[in-house]
Amino acid sequence: MEEILKRTTNGFISFCTKCHAYHVEFGNLFFTFTEDEFEHFCQYINSIDGEYYQELNKDMKNARKIFLRMPVKGFYCALYPDELKELRRLIDFSLTDDAIESALSLENYCLN
């Protein structure tokens, strides 16, 4: 039995009680984690300095400048800054559904 624990516009986190694994779908990415691996993944995502990597990789031809290292040599997942923010909201279980809805409704508007 798989239970969805959290959802955002572009992803969700579920837990499978049969295989005891966390499943994270985000955009076209899909990950399967043990509990320890999931905790490590969350720490890793929260440690990424998106602004630093945007600046560091500004001259690269690709559109997405923030890279997530994967355990396969030479394989990275690339994100836009807004995608990194959404992924952080997805893995942050301290946020309520109302806070997520508020953040999602504001992200499509310019506040200036």
PDB file of N, CA and C in Angstrom:
ATOM      1  N   MET A   1       0.848  -1.181   0.000  1.00  0.00           N
ATOM      2  CA  MET A   1       0.000   0.000   0.000  1.00  0.00           C
ATOM      3  C   MET A   1       0.891   1.240   0.000  1.00  0.00           C
ATOM      4  N   GLU A   2       0.603   2.144  -0.889  1.00  0.00           N
ATOM      5  CA  GLU A   2       1.397   3.363  -0.985  1.00  0.00           C
ATOM      6  C   GLU A   2       0.540   4.560  -0.587  1.00  0.00           C
ATOM      7  N   GLU A   3       1.090   5.379   0.293  1.00  0.00           N
ATOM      8  CA  GLU A   3       0.378   6.548   0.793  1.00  0.00           C
ATOM      9  C   GLU A   3       1.126   7.810   0.371  1.00  0.00           C
ATOM     10  N   ILE A   4       0.403   8.761  -0.236  1.00  0.00           N
ATOM     11  CA  ILE A   4       1.020  10.039  -0.596  1.00  0.00           C
ATOM     12  C   ILE A   4       1.130  10.880   0.670  1.00  0.00           C
ATOM     13  N   LEU A   5       2.352  11.294   0.976  1.00  0.00           N
ATOM     14  CA  LEU A   5       2.625  12.065   2.185  1.00  0.00           C
ATOM     15  C   LEU A   5       2.557  13.559   1.939  1.00  0.00           C
ATOM     16  N   LYS A   6       2.947  13.972   0.741  1.00  0.00           N
ATOM     17  CA  LYS A   6       2.980  15.400   0.430  1.00  0.00           C
ATOM     18  C   LYS A   6       2.979  15.575  -1.072  1.00  0.00           C
ATOM     19  N   ARG A   7       2.407  16.701  -1.514  1.00  0.00           N
ATOM     20  CA  ARG A   7       2.306  16.964  -2.941  1.00  0.00           C
ATOM     21  C   ARG A   7       2.525  18.454  -3.200  1.00  0.00           C
ATOM     22  N   THR A   8       3.195  18.770  -4.315  1.00  0.00           N
ATOM     23  CA  THR A   8       3.289  20.141  -4.819  1.00  0.00           C
ATOM     24  C   THR A   8       2.818  20.111  -6.267  1.00  0.00           C
ATOM     25  N   THR A   9       2.897  21.236  -6.938  1.00  0.00           N
ATOM     26  CA  THR A   9       2.451  21.315  -8.324  1.00  0.00           C
ATOM     27  C   THR A   9       3.160  20.299  -9.210  1.00  0.00           C
ATOM     28  N   ASN A  10       4.453  20.117  -9.012  1.00  0.00           N
ATOM     29  CA  ASN A  10       5.251  19.282  -9.909  1.00  0.00           C
ATOM     30  C   ASN A  10       5.765  17.991  -9.296  1.00  0.00           C
ATOM     31  N   GLY A  11       5.280  17.622  -8.120  1.00  0.00           N
ATOM     32  CA  GLY A  11       5.805  16.404  -7.534  1.00  0.00           C
ATOM     33  C   GLY A  11       5.030  15.915  -6.333  1.00  0.00           C
ATOM     34  N   PHE A  12       5.461  14.770  -5.844  1.00  0.00           N
ATOM     35  CA  PHE A  12       4.879  14.217  -4.626  1.00  0.00           C
ATOM     36  C   PHE A  12       5.891  13.304  -3.946  1.00  0.00           C
ATOM     37  N   ILE A  13       5.633  13.056  -2.664  1.00  0.00           N
ATOM     38  CA  ILE A  13       6.394  12.085  -1.889  1.00  0.00           C
ATOM     39  C   ILE A  13       5.394  11.066  -1.372  1.00  0.00           C
ATOM     40  N   SER A  14       5.723   9.808  -1.545  1.00  0.00           N
ATOM     41  CA  SER A  14       4.874   8.745  -1.016  1.00  0.00           C
ATOM     42  C   SER A  14       5.741   7.757  -0.244  1.00  0.00           C
ATOM     43  N   PHE A  15       5.063   6.953   0.558  1.00  0.00           N
ATOM     44  CA  PHE A  15       5.754   5.895   1.297  1.00  0.00           C
ATOM     45  C   PHE A  15       5.027   4.591   1.036  1.00  0.00           C
ATOM     46  N   CYS A  16       5.782   3.584   0.633  1.00  0.00           N
ATOM     47  CA  CYS A  16       5.228   2.261   0.357  1.00  0.00           C
ATOM     48  C   CYS A  16       5.429   1.387   1.590  1.00  0.00           C
ATOM     49  N   THR A  17       4.326   0.977   2.209  1.00  0.00           N
ATOM     50  CA  THR A  17       4.423   0.138   3.404  1.00  0.00           C
ATOM     51  C   THR A  17       4.833  -1.290   3.061  1.00  0.00           C
ATOM     52  N   LYS A  18       4.657  -1.673   1.820  1.00  0.00           N
ATOM     53  CA  LYS A  18       5.029  -3.029   1.400  1.00  0.00           C
ATOM     54  C   LYS A  18       6.548  -3.166   1.256  1.00  0.00           C
ATOM     55  N   CYS A  19       7.173  -2.188   0.572  1.00  0.00           N
ATOM     56  CA  CYS A  19       8.631  -2.262   0.355  1.00  0.00           C
ATOM     57  C   CYS A  19       9.410  -1.355   1.306  1.00  0.00           C
ATOM     58  N   HIS A  20       8.705  -0.604   2.160  1.00  0.00           N
ATOM     59  CA  HIS A  20       9.319   0.289   3.150  1.00  0.00           C
ATOM     60  C   HIS A  20      10.268   1.285   2.488  1.00  0.00           C
ATOM     61  N   ALA A  21       9.779   1.914   1.426  1.00  0.00           N
ATOM     62  CA  ALA A  21      10.599   2.877   0.682  1.00  0.00           C
ATOM     63  C   ALA A  21       9.825   4.166   0.465  1.00  0.00           C
ATOM     64  N   TYR A  22      10.581   5.256   0.460  1.00  0.00           N
ATOM     65  CA  TYR A  22      10.031   6.552   0.080  1.00  0.00           C
ATOM     66  C   TYR A  22      10.194   6.707  -1.424  1.00  0.00           C
ATOM     67  N   HIS A  23       9.163   7.209  -2.071  1.00  0.00           N
ATOM     68  CA  HIS A  23       9.217   7.503  -3.497  1.00  0.00           C
ATOM     69  C   HIS A  23       9.034   9.003  -3.668  1.00  0.00           C
ATOM     70  N   VAL A  24       9.939   9.598  -4.421  1.00  0.00           N
ATOM     71  CA  VAL A  24       9.878  11.030  -4.696  1.00  0.00           C
ATOM     72  C   VAL A  24       9.787  11.196  -6.205  1.00  0.00           C
ATOM     73  N   GLU A  25       8.688  11.793  -6.648  1.00  0.00           N
ATOM     74  CA  GLU A  25       8.560  12.164  -8.056  1.00  0.00           C
ATOM     75  C   GLU A  25       8.597  13.679  -8.112  1.00  0.00           C
ATOM     76  N   PHE A  26       9.447  14.195  -8.983  1.00  0.00           N
ATOM     77  CA  PHE A  26       9.545  15.645  -9.145  1.00  0.00           C
ATOM     78  C   PHE A  26       9.846  15.922 -10.606  1.00  0.00           C
ATOM     79  N   GLY A  27       8.897  16.555 -11.302  1.00  0.00           N
ATOM     80  CA  GLY A  27       9.052  16.758 -12.740  1.00  0.00           C
ATOM     81  C   GLY A  27       9.192  15.406 -13.412  1.00  0.00           C
ATOM     82  N   ASN A  28      10.252  15.228 -14.176  1.00  0.00           N
ATOM     83  CA  ASN A  28      10.469  13.940 -14.841  1.00  0.00           C
ATOM     84  C   ASN A  28      11.458  13.057 -14.071  1.00  0.00           C
ATOM     85  N   LEU A  29      11.722  13.395 -12.828  1.00  0.00           N
ATOM     86  CA  LEU A  29      12.634  12.613 -11.987  1.00  0.00           C
ATOM     87  C   LEU A  29      11.836  11.714 -11.050  1.00  0.00           C
ATOM     88  N   PHE A  30      12.354  10.536 -10.792  1.00  0.00           N
ATOM     89  CA  PHE A  30      11.731   9.628  -9.832  1.00  0.00           C
ATOM     90  C   PHE A  30      12.833   8.945  -9.029  1.00  0.00           C
ATOM     91  N   PHE A  31      12.718   9.024  -7.709  1.00  0.00           N
ATOM     92  CA  PHE A  31      13.710   8.444  -6.812  1.00  0.00           C
ATOM     93  C   PHE A  31      13.027   7.467  -5.857  1.00  0.00           C
ATOM     94  N   THR A  32      13.752   6.439  -5.465  1.00  0.00           N
ATOM     95  CA  THR A  32      13.317   5.509  -4.428  1.00  0.00           C
ATOM     96  C   THR A  32      14.393   5.499  -3.351  1.00  0.00           C
ATOM     97  N   PHE A  33      13.968   5.706  -2.092  1.00  0.00           N
ATOM     98  CA  PHE A  33      14.911   5.826  -0.985  1.00  0.00           C
ATOM     99  C   PHE A  33      14.499   4.968   0.200  1.00  0.00           C
ATOM    100  N   THR A  34      15.494   4.456   0.922  1.00  0.00           N
ATOM    101  CA  THR A  34      15.252   3.945   2.266  1.00  0.00           C
ATOM    102  C   THR A  34      15.044   5.167   3.160  1.00  0.00           C
ATOM    103  N   GLU A  35      14.685   4.949   4.417  1.00  0.00           N
ATOM    104  CA  GLU A  35      14.492   6.080   5.324  1.00  0.00           C
ATOM    105  C   GLU A  35      15.782   6.878   5.496  1.00  0.00           C
ATOM    106  N   ASP A  36      16.906   6.198   5.690  1.00  0.00           N
ATOM    107  CA  ASP A  36      18.195   6.886   5.836  1.00  0.00           C
ATOM    108  C   ASP A  36      18.569   7.648   4.568  1.00  0.00           C
ATOM    109  N   GLU A  37      18.363   7.028   3.418  1.00  0.00           N
ATOM    110  CA  GLU A  37      18.677   7.689   2.146  1.00  0.00           C
ATOM    111  C   GLU A  37      17.801   8.916   1.936  1.00  0.00           C
ATOM    112  N   PHE A  38      16.525   8.813   2.325  1.00  0.00           N
ATOM    113  CA  PHE A  38      15.615   9.948   2.182  1.00  0.00           C
ATOM    114  C   PHE A  38      16.060  11.107   3.070  1.00  0.00           C
ATOM    115  N   GLU A  39      16.442  10.815   4.299  1.00  0.00           N
ATOM    116  CA  GLU A  39      16.934  11.864   5.201  1.00  0.00           C
ATOM    117  C   GLU A  39      18.193  12.515   4.638  1.00  0.00           C
ATOM    118  N   HIS A  40      19.097  11.709   4.098  1.00  0.00           N
ATOM    119  CA  HIS A  40      20.320  12.240   3.490  1.00  0.00           C
ATOM    120  C   HIS A  40      19.980  13.112   2.277  1.00  0.00           C
ATOM    121  N   PHE A  41      19.049  12.668   1.447  1.00  0.00           N
ATOM    122  CA  PHE A  41      18.613  13.435   0.279  1.00  0.00           C
ATOM    123  C   PHE A  41      18.053  14.795   0.714  1.00  0.00           C
ATOM    124  N   CYS A  42      17.216  14.804   1.735  1.00  0.00           N
ATOM    125  CA  CYS A  42      16.639  16.064   2.230  1.00  0.00           C
ATOM    126  C   CYS A  42      17.728  17.008   2.727  1.00  0.00           C
ATOM    127  N   GLN A  43      18.688  16.479   3.467  1.00  0.00           N
ATOM    128  CA  GLN A  43      19.802  17.307   3.946  1.00  0.00           C
ATOM    129  C   GLN A  43      20.599  17.862   2.773  1.00  0.00           C
ATOM    130  N   TYR A  44      20.839  17.025   1.776  1.00  0.00           N
ATOM    131  CA  TYR A  44      21.594  17.451   0.596  1.00  0.00           C
ATOM    132  C   TYR A  44      20.863  18.574  -0.144  1.00  0.00           C
ATOM    133  N   ILE A  45      19.584  18.405  -0.394  1.00  0.00           N
ATOM    134  CA  ILE A  45      18.808  19.420  -1.118  1.00  0.00           C
ATOM    135  C   ILE A  45      18.821  20.735  -0.346  1.00  0.00           C
ATOM    136  N   ASN A  46      18.658  20.669   0.961  1.00  0.00           N
ATOM    137  CA  ASN A  46      18.645  21.890   1.772  1.00  0.00           C
ATOM    138  C   ASN A  46      20.016  22.542   1.887  1.00  0.00           C
ATOM    139  N   SER A  47      21.081  21.813   1.588  1.00  0.00           N
ATOM    140  CA  SER A  47      22.433  22.379   1.674  1.00  0.00           C
ATOM    141  C   SER A  47      22.861  23.102   0.394  1.00  0.00           C
ATOM    142  N   ILE A  48      22.116  22.943  -0.674  1.00  0.00           N
ATOM    143  CA  ILE A  48      22.511  23.519  -1.964  1.00  0.00           C
ATOM    144  C   ILE A  48      22.289  25.026  -1.958  1.00  0.00           C
ATOM    145  N   ASP A  49      23.315  25.768  -2.296  1.00  0.00           N
ATOM    146  CA  ASP A  49      23.243  27.227  -2.414  1.00  0.00           C
ATOM    147  C   ASP A  49      22.922  27.559  -3.872  1.00  0.00           C
ATOM    148  N   GLY A  50      21.632  27.662  -4.167  1.00  0.00           N
ATOM    149  CA  GLY A  50      21.188  27.881  -5.539  1.00  0.00           C
ATOM    150  C   GLY A  50      21.766  29.127  -6.181  1.00  0.00           C
ATOM    151  N   GLU A  51      21.817  30.229  -5.434  1.00  0.00           N
ATOM    152  CA  GLU A  51      22.347  31.484  -5.984  1.00  0.00           C
ATOM    153  C   GLU A  51      23.820  31.334  -6.353  1.00  0.00           C
ATOM    154  N   TYR A  52      24.570  30.637  -5.523  1.00  0.00           N
ATOM    155  CA  TYR A  52      25.989  30.414  -5.799  1.00  0.00           C
ATOM    156  C   TYR A  52      26.164  29.670  -7.120  1.00  0.00           C
ATOM    157  N   TYR A  53      25.405  28.609  -7.313  1.00  0.00           N
ATOM    158  CA  TYR A  53      25.548  27.814  -8.538  1.00  0.00           C
ATOM    159  C   TYR A  53      25.002  28.533  -9.764  1.00  0.00           C
ATOM    160  N   GLN A  54      23.986  29.364  -9.575  1.00  0.00           N
ATOM    161  CA  GLN A  54      23.497  30.190 -10.688  1.00  0.00           C
ATOM    162  C   GLN A  54      24.631  31.080 -11.196  1.00  0.00           C
ATOM    163  N   GLU A  55      25.341  31.702 -10.268  1.00  0.00           N
ATOM    164  CA  GLU A  55      26.451  32.589 -10.631  1.00  0.00           C
ATOM    165  C   GLU A  55      27.631  31.788 -11.193  1.00  0.00           C
ATOM    166  N   LEU A  56      27.977  30.706 -10.540  1.00  0.00           N
ATOM    167  CA  LEU A  56      29.105  29.884 -10.969  1.00  0.00           C
ATOM    168  C   LEU A  56      28.920  29.362 -12.396  1.00  0.00           C
ATOM    169  N   ASN A  57      27.704  28.987 -12.734  1.00  0.00           N
ATOM    170  CA  ASN A  57      27.428  28.357 -14.028  1.00  0.00           C
ATOM    171  C   ASN A  57      26.765  29.294 -15.033  1.00  0.00           C
ATOM    172  N   LYS A  58      26.833  30.599 -14.784  1.00  0.00           N
ATOM    173  CA  LYS A  58      26.111  31.560 -15.624  1.00  0.00           C
ATOM    174  C   LYS A  58      26.536  31.537 -17.087  1.00  0.00           C
ATOM    175  N   ASP A  59      27.760  31.161 -17.390  1.00  0.00           N
ATOM    176  CA  ASP A  59      28.232  31.160 -18.775  1.00  0.00           C
ATOM    177  C   ASP A  59      27.989  29.837 -19.500  1.00  0.00           C
ATOM    178  N   MET A  60      27.430  28.867 -18.813  1.00  0.00           N
ATOM    179  CA  MET A  60      27.123  27.591 -19.463  1.00  0.00           C
ATOM    180  C   MET A  60      25.948  27.784 -20.418  1.00  0.00           C
ATOM    181  N   LYS A  61      25.927  27.037 -21.482  1.00  0.00           N
ATOM    182  CA  LYS A  61      24.884  27.181 -22.507  1.00  0.00           C
ATOM    183  C   LYS A  61      23.534  26.629 -22.069  1.00  0.00           C
ATOM    184  N   ASN A  62      23.530  25.677 -21.148  1.00  0.00           N
ATOM    185  CA  ASN A  62      22.256  25.100 -20.722  1.00  0.00           C
ATOM    186  C   ASN A  62      21.449  26.100 -19.909  1.00  0.00           C
ATOM    187  N   ALA A  63      20.129  25.950 -19.945  1.00  0.00           N
ATOM    188  CA  ALA A  63      19.229  26.884 -19.269  1.00  0.00           C
ATOM    189  C   ALA A  63      19.239  26.699 -17.751  1.00  0.00           C
ATOM    190  N   ARG A  64      19.231  25.470 -17.295  1.00  0.00           N
ATOM    191  CA  ARG A  64      19.227  25.192 -15.858  1.00  0.00           C
ATOM    192  C   ARG A  64      20.668  25.206 -15.349  1.00  0.00           C
ATOM    193  N   LYS A  65      20.907  25.982 -14.302  1.00  0.00           N
ATOM    194  CA  LYS A  65      22.278  26.197 -13.822  1.00  0.00           C
ATOM    195  C   LYS A  65      22.586  25.517 -12.487  1.00  0.00           C
ATOM    196  N   ILE A  66      21.581  24.982 -11.823  1.00  0.00           N
ATOM    197  CA  ILE A  66      21.780  24.340 -10.524  1.00  0.00           C
ATOM    198  C   ILE A  66      21.783  22.833 -10.754  1.00  0.00           C
ATOM    199  N   PHE A  67      22.877  22.179 -10.375  1.00  0.00           N
ATOM    200  CA  PHE A  67      23.039  20.754 -10.648  1.00  0.00           C
ATOM    201  C   PHE A  67      23.013  19.936  -9.364  1.00  0.00           C
ATOM    202  N   LEU A  68      22.241  18.869  -9.369  1.00  0.00           N
ATOM    203  CA  LEU A  68      22.224  17.909  -8.272  1.00  0.00           C
ATOM    204  C   LEU A  68      23.118  16.748  -8.661  1.00  0.00           C
ATOM    205  N   ARG A  69      24.084  16.450  -7.831  1.00  0.00           N
ATOM    206  CA  ARG A  69      24.963  15.304  -8.106  1.00  0.00           C
ATOM    207  C   ARG A  69      24.199  14.018  -7.853  1.00  0.00           C
ATOM    208  N   MET A  70      24.374  13.092  -8.742  1.00  0.00           N
ATOM    209  CA  MET A  70      23.767  11.775  -8.615  1.00  0.00           C
ATOM    210  C   MET A  70      24.883  10.758  -8.390  1.00  0.00           C
ATOM    211  N   PRO A  71      24.550   9.580  -7.890  1.00  0.00           N
ATOM    212  CA  PRO A  71      25.602   8.603  -7.590  1.00  0.00           C
ATOM    213  C   PRO A  71      26.256   7.964  -8.819  1.00  0.00           C
ATOM    214  N   VAL A  72      25.828   8.332 -10.004  1.00  0.00           N
ATOM    215  CA  VAL A  72      26.438   7.826 -11.236  1.00  0.00           C
ATOM    216  C   VAL A  72      27.375   8.907 -11.768  1.00  0.00           C
ATOM    217  N   LYS A  73      28.628   8.563 -11.999  1.00  0.00           N
ATOM    218  CA  LYS A  73      29.617   9.537 -12.461  1.00  0.00           C
ATOM    219  C   LYS A  73      29.148  10.208 -13.756  1.00  0.00           C
ATOM    220  N   GLY A  74      29.214  11.540 -13.769  1.00  0.00           N
ATOM    221  CA  GLY A  74      28.852  12.311 -14.953  1.00  0.00           C
ATOM    222  C   GLY A  74      27.364  12.522 -15.138  1.00  0.00           C
ATOM    223  N   PHE A  75      26.537  12.084 -14.194  1.00  0.00           N
ATOM    224  CA  PHE A  75      25.086  12.235 -14.297  1.00  0.00           C
ATOM    225  C   PHE A  75      24.624  13.255 -13.269  1.00  0.00           C
ATOM    226  N   TYR A  76      23.927  14.280 -13.733  1.00  0.00           N
ATOM    227  CA  TYR A  76      23.410  15.337 -12.866  1.00  0.00           C
ATOM    228  C   TYR A  76      21.952  15.600 -13.204  1.00  0.00           C
ATOM    229  N   CYS A  77      21.206  16.062 -12.234  1.00  0.00           N
ATOM    230  CA  CYS A  77      19.865  16.584 -12.466  1.00  0.00           C
ATOM    231  C   CYS A  77      19.988  18.099 -12.388  1.00  0.00           C
ATOM    232  N   ALA A  78      19.480  18.786 -13.390  1.00  0.00           N
ATOM    233  CA  ALA A  78      19.622  20.240 -13.468  1.00  0.00           C
ATOM    234  C   ALA A  78      18.291  20.907 -13.131  1.00  0.00           C
ATOM    235  N   LEU A  79      18.373  21.999 -12.353  1.00  0.00           N
ATOM    236  CA  LEU A  79      17.178  22.700 -11.893  1.00  0.00           C
ATOM    237  C   LEU A  79      17.276  24.197 -12.138  1.00  0.00           C
ATOM    238  N   TYR A  80      16.119  24.818 -12.328  1.00  0.00           N
ATOM    239  CA  TYR A  80      15.984  26.269 -12.261  1.00  0.00           C
ATOM    240  C   TYR A  80      15.873  26.646 -10.779  1.00  0.00           C
ATOM    241  N   PRO A  81      16.125  27.906 -10.420  1.00  0.00           N
ATOM    242  CA  PRO A  81      15.980  28.320  -9.017  1.00  0.00           C
ATOM    243  C   PRO A  81      14.586  28.029  -8.448  1.00  0.00           C
ATOM    244  N   ASP A  82      13.531  28.296  -9.223  1.00  0.00           N
ATOM    245  CA  ASP A  82      12.175  28.032  -8.733  1.00  0.00           C
ATOM    246  C   ASP A  82      11.924  26.544  -8.517  1.00  0.00           C
ATOM    247  N   GLU A  83      12.559  25.707  -9.325  1.00  0.00           N
ATOM    248  CA  GLU A  83      12.414  24.260  -9.142  1.00  0.00           C
ATOM    249  C   GLU A  83      13.091  23.818  -7.848  1.00  0.00           C
ATOM    250  N   LEU A  84      14.254  24.385  -7.550  1.00  0.00           N
ATOM    251  CA  LEU A  84      14.927  24.066  -6.290  1.00  0.00           C
ATOM    252  C   LEU A  84      14.060  24.495  -5.108  1.00  0.00           C
ATOM    253  N   LYS A  85      13.457  25.675  -5.191  1.00  0.00           N
ATOM    254  CA  LYS A  85      12.580  26.152  -4.113  1.00  0.00           C
ATOM    255  C   LYS A  85      11.393  25.216  -3.918  1.00  0.00           C
ATOM    256  N   GLU A  86      10.791  24.798  -5.028  1.00  0.00           N
ATOM    257  CA  GLU A  86       9.643  23.896  -4.919  1.00  0.00           C
ATOM    258  C   GLU A  86      10.056  22.540  -4.353  1.00  0.00           C
ATOM    259  N   LEU A  87      11.202  22.034  -4.776  1.00  0.00           N
ATOM    260  CA  LEU A  87      11.687  20.759  -4.244  1.00  0.00           C
ATOM    261  C   LEU A  87      11.929  20.872  -2.743  1.00  0.00           C
ATOM    262  N   ARG A  88      12.445  21.988  -2.295  1.00  0.00           N
ATOM    263  CA  ARG A  88      12.640  22.200  -0.853  1.00  0.00           C
ATOM    264  C   ARG A  88      11.306  22.229  -0.118  1.00  0.00           C
ATOM    265  N   ARG A  89      10.296  22.879  -0.712  1.00  0.00           N
ATOM    266  CA  ARG A  89       8.965  22.887  -0.086  1.00  0.00           C
ATOM    267  C   ARG A  89       8.400  21.468  -0.017  1.00  0.00           C
ATOM    268  N   LEU A  90       8.660  20.698  -1.061  1.00  0.00           N
ATOM    269  CA  LEU A  90       8.140  19.329  -1.105  1.00  0.00           C
ATOM    270  C   LEU A  90       8.717  18.480   0.026  1.00  0.00           C
ATOM    271  N   ILE A  91       9.992  18.600   0.301  1.00  0.00           N
ATOM    272  CA  ILE A  91      10.629  17.754   1.321  1.00  0.00           C
ATOM    273  C   ILE A  91      10.530  18.331   2.728  1.00  0.00           C
ATOM    274  N   ASP A  92       9.968  19.526   2.870  1.00  0.00           N
ATOM    275  CA  ASP A  92       9.848  20.174   4.174  1.00  0.00           C
ATOM    276  C   ASP A  92       8.500  19.816   4.795  1.00  0.00           C
ATOM    277  N   PHE A  93       8.506  18.858   5.693  1.00  0.00           N
ATOM    278  CA  PHE A  93       7.261  18.413   6.308  1.00  0.00           C
ATOM    279  C   PHE A  93       6.794  19.338   7.431  1.00  0.00           C
ATOM    280  N   SER A  94       7.550  20.390   7.718  1.00  0.00           N
ATOM    281  CA  SER A  94       7.105  21.349   8.729  1.00  0.00           C
ATOM    282  C   SER A  94       6.117  22.351   8.144  1.00  0.00           C
ATOM    283  N   LEU A  95       6.068  22.450   6.804  1.00  0.00           N
ATOM    284  CA  LEU A  95       5.129  23.365   6.157  1.00  0.00           C
ATOM    285  C   LEU A  95       3.738  22.747   6.124  1.00  0.00           C
ATOM    286  N   THR A  96       2.743  23.563   6.413  1.00  0.00           N
ATOM    287  CA  THR A  96       1.363  23.093   6.338  1.00  0.00           C
ATOM    288  C   THR A  96       0.873  23.172   4.900  1.00  0.00           C
ATOM    289  N   ASP A  97      -0.225  22.507   4.615  1.00  0.00           N
ATOM    290  CA  ASP A  97      -0.816  22.571   3.277  1.00  0.00           C
ATOM    291  C   ASP A  97      -1.194  24.005   2.917  1.00  0.00           C
ATOM    292  N   ASP A  98      -1.688  24.780   3.894  1.00  0.00           N
ATOM    293  CA  ASP A  98      -2.052  26.176   3.629  1.00  0.00           C
ATOM    294  C   ASP A  98      -0.831  27.000   3.239  1.00  0.00           C
ATOM    295  N   ALA A  99       0.300  26.783   3.911  1.00  0.00           N
ATOM    296  CA  ALA A  99       1.527  27.520   3.585  1.00  0.00           C
ATOM    297  C   ALA A  99       2.011  27.157   2.192  1.00  0.00           C
ATOM    298  N   ILE A 100       1.883  25.889   1.827  1.00  0.00           N
ATOM    299  CA  ILE A 100       2.294  25.457   0.489  1.00  0.00           C
ATOM    300  C   ILE A 100       1.400  26.092  -0.559  1.00  0.00           C
ATOM    301  N   GLU A 101       0.089  26.069  -0.334  1.00  0.00           N
ATOM    302  CA  GLU A 101      -0.845  26.671  -1.293  1.00  0.00           C
ATOM    303  C   GLU A 101      -0.569  28.162  -1.451  1.00  0.00           C
ATOM    304  N   SER A 102      -0.277  28.833  -0.348  1.00  0.00           N
ATOM    305  CA  SER A 102       0.031  30.259  -0.405  1.00  0.00           C
ATOM    306  C   SER A 102       1.288  30.508  -1.220  1.00  0.00           C
ATOM    307  N   ALA A 103       2.323  29.730  -0.998  1.00  0.00           N
ATOM    308  CA  ALA A 103       3.578  29.886  -1.739  1.00  0.00           C
ATOM    309  C   ALA A 103       3.377  29.587  -3.210  1.00  0.00           C
ATOM    310  N   LEU A 104       2.608  28.561  -3.525  1.00  0.00           N
ATOM    311  CA  LEU A 104       2.375  28.199  -4.924  1.00  0.00           C
ATOM    312  C   LEU A 104       1.559  29.258  -5.639  1.00  0.00           C
ATOM    313  N   SER A 105       0.587  29.845  -4.939  1.00  0.00           N
ATOM    314  CA  SER A 105      -0.250  30.844  -5.599  1.00  0.00           C
ATOM    315  C   SER A 105       0.515  32.138  -5.844  1.00  0.00           C
ATOM    316  N   LEU A 106       1.528  32.423  -5.041  1.00  0.00           N
ATOM    317  CA  LEU A 106       2.304  33.648  -5.211  1.00  0.00           C
ATOM    318  C   LEU A 106       3.453  33.502  -6.200  1.00  0.00           C
ATOM    319  N   GLU A 107       3.903  32.294  -6.462  1.00  0.00           N
ATOM    320  CA  GLU A 107       5.111  32.135  -7.271  1.00  0.00           C
ATOM    321  C   GLU A 107       4.916  32.511  -8.733  1.00  0.00           C
ATOM    322  N   ASN A 108       3.692  32.630  -9.194  1.00  0.00           N
ATOM    323  CA  ASN A 108       3.446  32.983 -10.588  1.00  0.00           C
ATOM    324  C   ASN A 108       3.205  34.475 -10.796  1.00  0.00           C
ATOM    325  N   TYR A 109       3.371  35.260  -9.742  1.00  0.00           N
ATOM    326  CA  TYR A 109       3.108  36.689  -9.831  1.00  0.00           C
ATOM    327  C   TYR A 109       4.347  37.498  -9.477  1.00  0.00           C
ATOM    328  N   CYS A 110       4.537  38.608 -10.178  1.00  0.00           N
ATOM    329  CA  CYS A 110       5.610  39.543  -9.854  1.00  0.00           C
ATOM    330  C   CYS A 110       5.108  40.469  -8.760  1.00  0.00           C
ATOM    331  N   LEU A 111       5.843  40.565  -7.679  1.00  0.00           N
ATOM    332  CA  LEU A 111       5.417  41.396  -6.560  1.00  0.00           C
ATOM    333  C   LEU A 111       5.985  42.806  -6.628  1.00  0.00           C
ATOM    334  N   ASN A 112       6.704  43.147  -7.682  1.00  0.00           N
ATOM    335  CA  ASN A 112       7.273  44.491  -7.828  1.00  0.00           C
ATOM    336  C   ASN A 112       6.327  45.403  -8.560  1.00  0.00           C
TER     337      ASN A 112
END
